Amino acid sequence: MTHLIPEVTAAQAAAHARIYQAVSAPAAAIHETFVNTLSTGSGSYAVTETANAAATG
């Protein structure tokens, strides 16, 4: 009976690791897309601000 607890704990840890691996790859892809979107948006914002500043003089 005493060997059962470590086996159950190991099985739970392995299951957790599989779930983490399954979730972490798509999460990383979503994060990369989000960062790229923010970068593009900030560039557009800077261009617009510069144009507005030049127009108002």
N, C-alpha and C. Protein backbone atom coordinates (compact mmCIF):
# COMPACT_ATOMS: atom_id res chain seq x y z
N MET A 1 0.82 -1.20 0.00
CA MET A 1 0.00 0.00 0.00
C MET A 1 0.86 1.26 0.00
N THR A 2 2.02 1.23 0.64
CA THR A 2 2.84 2.44 0.71
C THR A 2 3.43 2.81 -0.64
N HIS A 3 3.56 1.85 -1.54
CA HIS A 3 4.09 2.15 -2.87
C HIS A 3 3.02 2.75 -3.79
N LEU A 4 1.79 2.61 -3.40
CA LEU A 4 0.69 3.09 -4.24
C LEU A 4 0.66 4.62 -4.31
N ILE A 5 0.93 5.29 -3.21
CA ILE A 5 0.86 6.75 -3.17
C ILE A 5 1.89 7.38 -4.12
N PRO A 6 3.16 6.97 -4.08
CA PRO A 6 4.10 7.56 -5.05
C PRO A 6 3.72 7.25 -6.50
N GLU A 7 3.16 6.09 -6.76
CA GLU A 7 2.75 5.75 -8.12
C GLU A 7 1.61 6.65 -8.58
N VAL A 8 0.66 6.89 -7.69
CA VAL A 8 -0.46 7.78 -8.03
C VAL A 8 0.06 9.20 -8.24
N THR A 9 0.94 9.65 -7.37
CA THR A 9 1.52 10.98 -7.50
C THR A 9 2.28 11.12 -8.81
N ALA A 10 3.05 10.12 -9.16
CA ALA A 10 3.80 10.15 -10.42
C ALA A 10 2.85 10.16 -11.61
N ALA A 11 1.79 9.40 -11.54
CA ALA A 11 0.81 9.38 -12.63
C ALA A 11 0.13 10.74 -12.78
N GLN A 12 -0.19 11.37 -11.64
CA GLN A 12 -0.81 12.69 -11.70
C GLN A 12 0.16 13.73 -12.27
N ALA A 13 1.42 13.64 -11.88
CA ALA A 13 2.42 14.57 -12.40
C ALA A 13 2.60 14.37 -13.90
N ALA A 14 2.62 13.14 -14.35
CA ALA A 14 2.76 12.86 -15.77
C ALA A 14 1.56 13.38 -16.56
N ALA A 15 0.37 13.21 -16.00
CA ALA A 15 -0.84 13.72 -16.66
C ALA A 15 -0.79 15.24 -16.74
N HIS A 16 -0.36 15.87 -15.66
CA HIS A 16 -0.23 17.33 -15.64
C HIS A 16 0.77 17.79 -16.70
N ALA A 17 1.87 17.10 -16.81
CA ALA A 17 2.89 17.46 -17.81
C ALA A 17 2.35 17.33 -19.23
N ARG A 18 1.58 16.29 -19.49
CA ARG A 18 1.00 16.12 -20.83
C ARG A 18 0.02 17.25 -21.15
N ILE A 19 -0.79 17.60 -20.18
CA ILE A 19 -1.75 18.69 -20.38
C ILE A 19 -1.01 20.00 -20.61
N TYR A 20 0.02 20.25 -19.81
CA TYR A 20 0.80 21.48 -19.96
C TYR A 20 1.42 21.56 -21.35
N GLN A 21 1.99 20.48 -21.81
CA GLN A 21 2.61 20.47 -23.13
C GLN A 21 1.57 20.71 -24.22
N ALA A 22 0.40 20.14 -24.06
CA ALA A 22 -0.66 20.31 -25.05
C ALA A 22 -1.16 21.76 -25.10
N VAL A 23 -1.15 22.44 -23.96
CA VAL A 23 -1.68 23.79 -23.89
C VAL A 23 -0.60 24.84 -24.17
N SER A 24 0.63 24.57 -23.79
CA SER A 24 1.66 25.60 -23.88
C SER A 24 2.04 25.97 -25.31
N ALA A 25 2.05 25.03 -26.22
CA ALA A 25 2.42 25.36 -27.61
C ALA A 25 1.40 26.31 -28.25
N PRO A 26 0.10 26.02 -28.19
CA PRO A 26 -0.85 26.99 -28.75
C PRO A 26 -0.83 28.33 -28.01
N ALA A 27 -0.61 28.30 -26.70
CA ALA A 27 -0.54 29.55 -25.95
C ALA A 27 0.64 30.40 -26.40
N ALA A 28 1.77 29.77 -26.67
CA ALA A 28 2.94 30.50 -27.16
C ALA A 28 2.66 31.11 -28.53
N ALA A 29 1.96 30.39 -29.37
CA ALA A 29 1.61 30.91 -30.70
C ALA A 29 0.66 32.10 -30.58
N ILE A 30 -0.30 32.01 -29.69
CA ILE A 30 -1.23 33.13 -29.47
C ILE A 30 -0.47 34.34 -28.93
N HIS A 31 0.43 34.11 -28.01
CA HIS A 31 1.23 35.20 -27.45
C HIS A 31 2.06 35.88 -28.53
N GLU A 32 2.68 35.10 -29.40
CA GLU A 32 3.49 35.66 -30.48
C GLU A 32 2.62 36.51 -31.41
N THR A 33 1.44 36.02 -31.75
CA THR A 33 0.52 36.79 -32.59
C THR A 33 0.12 38.09 -31.92
N PHE A 34 -0.16 38.03 -30.62
CA PHE A 34 -0.55 39.21 -29.85
C PHE A 34 0.57 40.25 -29.85
N VAL A 35 1.79 39.80 -29.59
CA VAL A 35 2.94 40.71 -29.57
C VAL A 35 3.15 41.34 -30.95
N ASN A 36 3.05 40.55 -32.00
CA ASN A 36 3.21 41.08 -33.35
C ASN A 36 2.13 42.11 -33.67
N THR A 37 0.90 41.84 -33.24
CA THR A 37 -0.19 42.78 -33.46
C THR A 37 0.06 44.09 -32.73
N LEU A 38 0.51 44.00 -31.48
CA LEU A 38 0.81 45.22 -30.73
C LEU A 38 1.95 46.00 -31.38
N SER A 39 2.95 45.30 -31.85
CA SER A 39 4.09 45.97 -32.50
C SER A 39 3.64 46.71 -33.76
N THR A 40 2.83 46.06 -34.56
CA THR A 40 2.31 46.69 -35.77
C THR A 40 1.45 47.90 -35.43
N GLY A 41 0.60 47.72 -34.44
CA GLY A 41 -0.28 48.82 -34.02
C GLY A 41 0.50 50.01 -33.49
N SER A 42 1.55 49.75 -32.73
CA SER A 42 2.33 50.86 -32.18
C SER A 42 3.06 51.61 -33.29
N GLY A 43 3.51 50.87 -34.30
CA GLY A 43 4.16 51.53 -35.44
C GLY A 43 3.19 52.42 -36.19
N SER A 44 1.98 51.93 -36.41
CA SER A 44 0.95 52.72 -37.09
C SER A 44 0.59 53.96 -36.27
N TYR A 45 0.50 53.79 -34.96
CA TYR A 45 0.17 54.90 -34.08
C TYR A 45 1.26 55.97 -34.16
N ALA A 46 2.51 55.56 -34.14
CA ALA A 46 3.62 56.52 -34.20
C ALA A 46 3.61 57.30 -35.52
N VAL A 47 3.35 56.61 -36.62
CA VAL A 47 3.28 57.28 -37.92
C VAL A 47 2.14 58.30 -37.93
N THR A 48 0.99 57.92 -37.40
CA THR A 48 -0.16 58.82 -37.36
C THR A 48 0.12 60.03 -36.48
N GLU A 49 0.72 59.82 -35.34
CA GLU A 49 1.06 60.93 -34.44
C GLU A 49 2.03 61.90 -35.11
N THR A 50 3.01 61.35 -35.81
CA THR A 50 3.98 62.19 -36.52
C THR A 50 3.29 63.01 -37.61
N ALA A 51 2.41 62.37 -38.36
CA ALA A 51 1.67 63.07 -39.41
C ALA A 51 0.78 64.16 -38.82
N ASN A 52 0.12 63.86 -37.72
CA ASN A 52 -0.74 64.86 -37.08
C ASN A 52 0.08 66.03 -36.54
N ALA A 53 1.22 65.74 -35.96
CA ALA A 53 2.07 66.81 -35.44
C ALA A 53 2.57 67.70 -36.58
N ALA A 54 2.92 67.09 -37.70
CA ALA A 54 3.39 67.87 -38.85
C ALA A 54 2.25 68.71 -39.44
N ALA A 55 1.05 68.17 -39.44
CA ALA A 55 -0.09 68.88 -40.03
C ALA A 55 -0.52 70.06 -39.17
N THR A 56 -0.37 69.94 -37.87
CA THR A 56 -0.82 71.01 -36.98
C THR A 56 0.29 72.00 -36.66
N GLY A 57 1.49 71.66 -37.04
CA GLY A 57 2.60 72.48 -37.04
C GLY A 57 3.31 73.10 -35.99
